[in-house]
C-alpha atoms as a PDB file:
ATOM      1  CA  MET A   1       2.219  25.204  -6.133  1.00  0.00           C
ATOM      2  CA  GLU A   2       0.780  24.108  -9.425  1.00  0.00           C
ATOM      3  CA  VAL A   3      -1.287  26.594 -11.409  1.00  0.00           C
ATOM      4  CA  ALA A   4      -3.586  25.452 -14.213  1.00  0.00           C
ATOM      5  CA  VAL A   5      -3.870  27.775 -17.207  1.00  0.00           C
ATOM      6  CA  ASN A   6      -6.543  27.382 -19.871  1.00  0.00           C
ATOM      7  CA  VAL A   7      -6.382  29.552 -22.978  1.00  0.00           C
ATOM      8  CA  GLU A   8      -9.360  30.215 -25.209  1.00  0.00           C
ATOM      9  CA  VAL A   9      -9.530  31.940 -28.586  1.00  0.00           C
ATOM     10  CA  GLU A  10     -12.416  33.708 -30.201  1.00  0.00           C
ATOM     11  CA  VAL A  11     -12.828  34.701 -33.836  1.00  0.00           C
ATOM     12  CA  LEU A  12     -14.701  37.970 -33.644  1.00  0.00           C
ATOM     13  CA  GLU A  13     -16.063  37.722 -37.201  1.00  0.00           C
ATOM     14  CA  ALA A  14     -17.533  34.270 -36.547  1.00  0.00           C
ATOM     15  CA  ASP A  15     -20.842  33.776 -34.818  1.00  0.00           C
ATOM     16  CA  GLN A  16     -19.537  31.378 -32.189  1.00  0.00           C
ATOM     17  CA  GLY A  17     -18.205  31.592 -28.682  1.00  0.00           C
ATOM     18  CA  PRO A  18     -14.699  31.070 -27.377  1.00  0.00           C
ATOM     19  CA  GLN A  19     -12.924  27.810 -28.227  1.00  0.00           C
ATOM     20  CA  HIS A  20     -10.337  25.978 -26.177  1.00  0.00           C
ATOM     21  CA  ALA A  21      -6.825  26.592 -27.546  1.00  0.00           C
ATOM     22  CA  LEU A  22      -4.533  25.014 -24.967  1.00  0.00           C
ATOM     23  CA  SER A  23      -4.051  23.995 -21.359  1.00  0.00           C
ATOM     24  CA  ALA A  24      -0.864  24.086 -19.330  1.00  0.00           C
ATOM     25  CA  TYR A  25       0.321  23.606 -15.781  1.00  0.00           C
ATOM     26  CA  PHE A  26       2.933  25.818 -14.160  1.00  0.00           C
ATOM     27  CA  THR A  27       4.773  24.660 -11.071  1.00  0.00           C
ATOM     28  CA  MET A  28       5.858  27.402  -8.697  1.00  0.00           C
ATOM     29  CA  VAL A  29       8.359  27.028  -5.875  1.00  0.00           C
ATOM     30  CA  ALA A  30       8.702  29.405  -2.932  1.00  0.00           C
ATOM     31  CA  LEU A  31      12.282  30.560  -2.379  1.00  0.00           C
ATOM     32  CA  ASP A  32      13.923  31.915   0.738  1.00  0.00           C
ATOM     33  CA  ARG A  33      16.250  34.935   0.786  1.00  0.00           C
ATOM     34  CA  ASN A  34      19.133  32.718  -0.334  1.00  0.00           C
ATOM     35  CA  GLY A  35      17.231  31.454  -3.359  1.00  0.00           C
ATOM     36  CA  ARG A  36      16.642  28.002  -1.885  1.00  0.00           C
ATOM     37  CA  PRO A  37      13.264  26.236  -1.917  1.00  0.00           C
ATOM     38  CA  MET A  38      11.360  26.725   1.311  1.00  0.00           C
ATOM     39  CA  ALA A  39       8.288  25.245   2.945  1.00  0.00           C
ATOM     40  CA  VAL A  40       4.997  27.116   2.780  1.00  0.00           C
ATOM     41  CA  PRO A  41       1.771  26.611   4.723  1.00  0.00           C
ATOM     42  CA  PRO A  42      -0.371  23.797   3.290  1.00  0.00           C
ATOM     43  CA  LEU A  43      -3.337  24.595   1.092  1.00  0.00           C
ATOM     44  CA  GLU A  44      -6.713  24.711   2.749  1.00  0.00           C
ATOM     45  CA  LEU A  45      -8.851  22.679   0.375  1.00  0.00           C
ATOM     46  CA  GLU A  46     -12.478  23.532   0.998  1.00  0.00           C
ATOM     47  CA  THR A  47     -14.599  22.237  -1.877  1.00  0.00           C
ATOM     48  CA  GLU A  48     -14.783  18.815  -3.475  1.00  0.00           C
ATOM     49  CA  GLU A  49     -13.618  20.424  -6.725  1.00  0.00           C
ATOM     50  CA  GLU A  50     -10.484  21.780  -5.017  1.00  0.00           C
ATOM     51  CA  LYS A  51      -9.796  18.394  -3.433  1.00  0.00           C
ATOM     52  CA  ALA A  52     -10.197  16.601  -6.776  1.00  0.00           C
ATOM     53  CA  ALA A  53      -7.907  19.099  -8.528  1.00  0.00           C
ATOM     54  CA  PHE A  54      -5.290  18.659  -5.799  1.00  0.00           C
ATOM     55  CA  GLU A  55      -5.386  14.863  -6.106  1.00  0.00           C
ATOM     56  CA  ALA A  56      -5.110  15.115  -9.899  1.00  0.00           C
ATOM     57  CA  ALA A  57      -2.064  17.358  -9.503  1.00  0.00           C
ATOM     58  CA  LYS A  58      -0.430  14.835  -7.167  1.00  0.00           C
ATOM     59  CA  LYS A  59      -0.997  12.084  -9.741  1.00  0.00           C
ATOM     60  CA  ARG A  60       0.498  14.239 -12.534  1.00  0.00           C
ATOM     61  CA  HIS A  61       3.512  14.924 -10.332  1.00  0.00           C
ATOM     62  CA  GLU A  62       4.035  11.223  -9.608  1.00  0.00           C
ATOM     63  CA  LEU A  63       3.610  10.300 -13.276  1.00  0.00           C
ATOM     64  CA  TYR A  64       6.126  12.963 -14.302  1.00  0.00           C
ATOM     65  CA  HIS A  65       8.737  11.497 -11.956  1.00  0.00           C
ATOM     66  CA  GLN A  66       8.005   7.930 -13.083  1.00  0.00           C
ATOM     67  CA  ARG A  67       8.460   8.903 -16.729  1.00  0.00           C
ATOM     68  CA  LYS A  68      11.616  10.858 -15.938  1.00  0.00           C
ATOM     69  CA  LYS A  69      13.086   7.810 -14.202  1.00  0.00           C
ATOM     70  CA  GLN A  70      12.155   5.602 -17.178  1.00  0.00           C
ATOM     71  CA  ARG A  71      13.828   8.022 -19.605  1.00  0.00           C
ATOM     72  CA  GLU A  72      16.973   8.134 -17.484  1.00  0.00           C
ATOM     73  CA  GLU A  73      17.101   4.328 -17.245  1.00  0.00           C
ATOM     74  CA  ALA A  74      16.600   3.983 -21.008  1.00  0.00           C
ATOM     75  CA  ALA A  75      19.350   6.525 -21.681  1.00  0.00           C
ATOM     76  CA  ALA A  76      21.693   4.687 -19.306  1.00  0.00           C
ATOM     77  CA  ARG A  77      21.059   1.417 -21.166  1.00  0.00           C
ATOM     78  CA  VAL A  78      21.849   3.060 -24.510  1.00  0.00           C
ATOM     79  CA  ILE A  79      24.991   4.716 -23.185  1.00  0.00           C
ATOM     80  CA  GLY A  80      26.061   1.526 -21.416  1.00  0.00           C
ATOM     81  CA  LYS A  81      26.048  -0.546 -24.638  1.00  0.00           C
END
């Protein structure tokens, strides 16, 4: 499961509302009693917003793995010289 976290800050002395400070995504994995990853029931996406967020998460996941593979290949080329 991926959880989006958005953090806002607010300067109490200033006459303005909260401001965006940072965003992050946490990936959570369900573990069985032996500490191994286990399957969980699929999400029930109900709204268009939920569906869009889910698709965006899938794209981030794919991009992460593509970049990881590129880094590993680049490191192998450097080490192989």
